[in-house]
Every structure is written in C-alpha cells, then in structure tokens.
Amino acid sequence: METETPSSPAASTPVNPKEVLENILNGLGLETTVEQLSLDGTILLHISTAEPGRLIGRHGQTLSQLQFLVNRILLRASPDAPRVTIDCEHYRERLRDDVLTRALEAADQVRRWGEPVHIGPFGAFDRRVIHQHFASDPEIEAVSESEEGEGMKKMTVHLRQRPT
C-alpha cells in the first residue's frame, strides 16, 4: 500500500489574496464579485453580492471572521504576506464614517470646553482609524485607554500638550 506524503500548506495555497477569498466564497456557494483595491498601504478586498447580510453577519462578526481566516491563510502561505482588509457592500466604510463622526464631535467639544472627552468602546480597527485621523491634527490627540487584553477599549480625546 502506497502512503501519500502531505504537501506543505504553502505549496497548495494560492498567495493571491483575491483568489484566496474567491475560493472561500465559491466554496460557500455565494454569488459574489471581489474587487482588489489599495487602502492606506494595505490591500482592501471589496465584496459585492446580492446577499450582504449573510457575509456581514451580526455587527460585522462574520465579515471579521472571514477577514481573519483569509489573513491566516495568507500568512501560512507566506510569512511576509500583506495584511488584508475585507469589506462587503461598503459596510466597513459606513462604520468608519460613523466612528469618525463620533470622534469629530468629541474633538469639537474638546476645542470648545478644553476638557477631555471619553468615547467608545472601539475595536482595534476603529481605534486605528481614529488615531490616524488625529495624527496630523496640531490641537487634538486621541489616546486609547489601557485595559487588560485586546478587544474593545475606550478612547480619550484631549488637547495636545504644547511644547515648552
């Protein structure tokens, strides 16, 4: 009897992020179109489908799990694979806009009253969006409040310290 030697995952897994996602979606039997874009130096895979709710899930959980799975497959195929963000029918884009609106409202309050404002909690993706937005603001700074572990954290929006 002949034994088969298992091939390494890197040899059988496509390293093209779009192909990896399309293979998963086809395996699920979903009719989708995947478009690959570049966003802030990372790869964005945008899914168009007639059934976005099935891919987004409750509060974006299914979409986040799909993104995690694709990134794990890519990292297994190549340790230096780029990080991929997956969006479906502009769901993450709308969330990002809502998060930025909340952060900008807090910044307006800080400018008006001079007192720090606490917002959140936010996941890592949303906190990163807020940090990037305020990175170039000379007056306002957003700081993640330290808590144990990863996950949801509150943020404090406050006036930047002026150099002395």
Protein backbone atom coordinates (compact mmCIF):
# COMPACT_ATOMS: atom_id res chain seq x y z
CA MET A 1 0.00 0.00 0.00
CA GLU A 2 1.33 3.37 -1.00
CA THR A 3 1.32 6.21 1.51
CA GLU A 4 0.86 9.77 0.47
CA THR A 5 3.09 12.41 1.92
CA PRO A 6 1.17 15.52 2.81
CA SER A 7 2.15 18.52 0.81
CA SER A 8 3.02 21.67 2.68
CA PRO A 9 0.19 24.21 3.02
CA ALA A 10 2.36 26.85 1.37
CA ALA A 11 2.70 24.78 -1.78
CA SER A 12 -1.04 24.24 -2.27
CA THR A 13 -2.42 27.59 -1.08
CA PRO A 14 -2.62 30.42 -3.58
CA VAL A 15 -0.87 33.54 -2.34
CA ASN A 16 -3.06 35.95 -4.26
CA PRO A 17 -5.42 37.45 -1.62
CA LYS A 18 -8.24 37.92 -4.12
CA GLU A 19 -8.02 34.28 -5.24
CA VAL A 20 -8.00 33.03 -1.64
CA LEU A 21 -11.18 34.99 -0.84
CA GLU A 22 -12.88 33.97 -4.09
CA ASN A 23 -12.14 30.30 -3.37
CA ILE A 24 -13.71 30.57 0.09
CA LEU A 25 -16.79 32.40 -1.21
CA ASN A 26 -17.24 29.92 -4.08
CA GLY A 27 -16.97 27.06 -1.57
CA LEU A 28 -19.81 28.65 0.39
CA GLY A 29 -21.94 28.74 -2.75
CA LEU A 30 -22.34 32.52 -2.72
CA GLU A 31 -22.56 34.56 -5.91
CA THR A 32 -20.12 37.39 -5.39
CA THR A 33 -17.74 39.72 -7.17
CA VAL A 34 -14.45 40.57 -5.47
CA GLU A 35 -12.52 43.72 -6.31
CA GLN A 36 -8.97 44.26 -5.00
CA LEU A 37 -8.04 47.85 -4.06
CA SER A 38 -5.20 49.56 -2.18
CA LEU A 39 -6.12 51.44 1.02
CA ASP A 40 -3.52 53.26 3.14
CA GLY A 41 -0.77 50.86 2.09
CA THR A 42 -2.88 47.75 2.75
CA ILE A 43 -4.96 45.59 0.48
CA LEU A 44 -8.74 46.04 0.55
CA LEU A 45 -10.89 43.28 -0.90
CA HIS A 46 -14.38 44.59 -1.58
CA ILE A 47 -17.16 42.04 -1.99
CA SER A 48 -20.30 42.82 -3.98
CA THR A 49 -23.21 40.45 -3.51
CA ALA A 50 -27.00 40.30 -3.56
CA GLU A 51 -26.92 38.82 -0.02
CA PRO A 52 -24.61 41.09 2.01
CA GLY A 53 -26.27 40.19 5.32
CA ARG A 54 -25.02 36.60 5.06
CA LEU A 55 -21.42 37.79 4.71
CA ILE A 56 -21.54 40.71 7.14
CA GLY A 57 -23.32 38.91 9.96
CA ARG A 58 -24.45 40.42 13.23
CA HIS A 59 -22.43 43.57 13.97
CA GLY A 60 -19.95 42.55 11.26
CA GLN A 61 -18.85 39.39 13.07
CA THR A 62 -18.99 37.11 10.03
CA LEU A 63 -17.08 39.64 7.94
CA SER A 64 -14.41 39.95 10.65
CA GLN A 65 -14.09 36.16 10.91
CA LEU A 66 -13.78 35.89 7.13
CA GLN A 67 -11.05 38.55 7.19
CA PHE A 68 -9.24 36.68 9.99
CA LEU A 69 -9.42 33.42 8.04
CA VAL A 70 -8.08 34.96 4.81
CA ASN A 71 -5.21 36.63 6.67
CA ARG A 72 -4.30 33.35 8.41
CA ILE A 73 -4.25 31.51 5.08
CA LEU A 74 -2.06 34.19 3.53
CA LEU A 75 0.37 34.20 6.47
CA ARG A 76 0.65 30.43 6.37
CA ALA A 77 1.46 30.59 2.65
CA SER A 78 3.99 33.38 3.15
CA PRO A 79 5.15 34.85 6.48
CA ASP A 80 5.64 38.27 4.86
CA ALA A 81 2.20 38.35 3.21
CA PRO A 82 0.47 41.74 3.37
CA ARG A 83 -2.43 42.28 5.78
CA VAL A 84 -5.80 42.25 4.04
CA THR A 85 -8.98 44.12 4.95
CA ILE A 86 -12.27 42.71 3.68
CA ASP A 87 -15.39 44.83 3.16
CA CYS A 88 -18.82 43.88 1.86
CA GLU A 89 -21.14 46.40 0.21
CA HIS A 90 -19.23 49.27 1.90
CA TYR A 91 -20.19 48.06 5.42
CA ARG A 92 -16.79 48.85 6.97
CA GLU A 93 -16.67 52.16 5.10
CA ARG A 94 -20.00 53.22 6.63
CA LEU A 95 -18.82 52.11 10.07
CA ARG A 96 -15.58 54.05 9.64
CA ASP A 97 -17.56 57.17 8.71
CA ASP A 98 -19.78 56.75 11.81
CA VAL A 99 -16.74 56.26 14.06
CA LEU A 100 -15.04 59.34 12.63
CA THR A 101 -18.21 61.38 13.08
CA ARG A 102 -18.30 60.43 16.79
CA ALA A 103 -14.60 61.27 17.16
CA LEU A 104 -15.01 64.63 15.38
CA GLU A 105 -17.97 65.54 17.60
CA ALA A 106 -15.82 64.75 20.63
CA ALA A 107 -12.98 66.87 19.20
CA ASP A 108 -15.39 69.80 18.75
CA GLN A 109 -16.39 69.51 22.42
CA VAL A 110 -12.73 69.41 23.48
CA ARG A 111 -11.95 72.51 21.40
CA ARG A 112 -14.97 74.32 22.83
CA TRP A 113 -14.57 73.44 26.51
CA GLY A 114 -10.94 72.34 26.82
CA GLU A 115 -11.90 69.25 28.83
CA PRO A 116 -11.09 65.66 27.73
CA VAL A 117 -13.95 63.62 26.27
CA HIS A 118 -14.21 59.82 26.58
CA ILE A 119 -15.62 57.90 23.61
CA GLY A 120 -16.05 54.26 22.75
CA PRO A 121 -15.51 51.46 23.33
CA PHE A 122 -14.00 50.67 19.95
CA GLY A 123 -12.32 47.67 18.39
CA ALA A 124 -8.72 47.79 17.15
CA PHE A 125 -9.72 48.69 13.56
CA ASP A 126 -11.83 51.67 14.69
CA ARG A 127 -9.19 52.89 17.13
CA ARG A 128 -6.60 52.78 14.37
CA VAL A 129 -8.86 54.88 12.12
CA ILE A 130 -9.27 57.48 14.88
CA HIS A 131 -5.54 57.55 15.70
CA GLN A 132 -4.67 58.00 12.02
CA HIS A 133 -7.17 60.82 11.65
CA PHE A 134 -5.85 62.83 14.60
CA ALA A 135 -2.16 62.08 13.92
CA SER A 136 -1.85 65.23 11.80
CA ASP A 137 -4.12 67.44 13.95
CA PRO A 138 -1.95 70.02 15.75
CA GLU A 139 -4.53 70.65 18.53
CA ILE A 140 -6.29 67.36 19.27
CA GLU A 141 -4.97 63.95 20.27
CA ALA A 142 -6.81 60.65 20.77
CA VAL A 143 -5.40 58.12 23.23
CA SER A 144 -6.56 54.55 23.79
CA GLU A 145 -7.22 53.85 27.45
CA SER A 146 -5.14 50.96 28.66
CA GLU A 147 -7.05 47.87 29.70
CA GLU A 148 -6.14 44.24 30.10
CA GLY A 149 -6.08 42.24 26.88
CA GLU A 150 -7.13 43.08 23.37
CA GLY A 151 -10.56 43.93 22.11
CA MET A 152 -12.84 46.83 22.89
CA LYS A 153 -11.24 49.86 24.53
CA LYS A 154 -12.40 53.37 25.29
CA MET A 155 -10.54 56.39 23.98
CA THR A 156 -9.88 59.83 25.39
CA VAL A 157 -9.88 62.82 23.07
CA HIS A 158 -7.98 65.78 24.54
CA LEU A 159 -5.93 68.84 23.67
CA ARG A 160 -2.33 68.12 22.71
CA GLN A 161 0.34 69.27 25.13
CA ARG A 162 2.06 72.35 23.77
CA PRO A 163 5.86 72.11 23.60
CA THR A 164 7.55 74.33 26.18
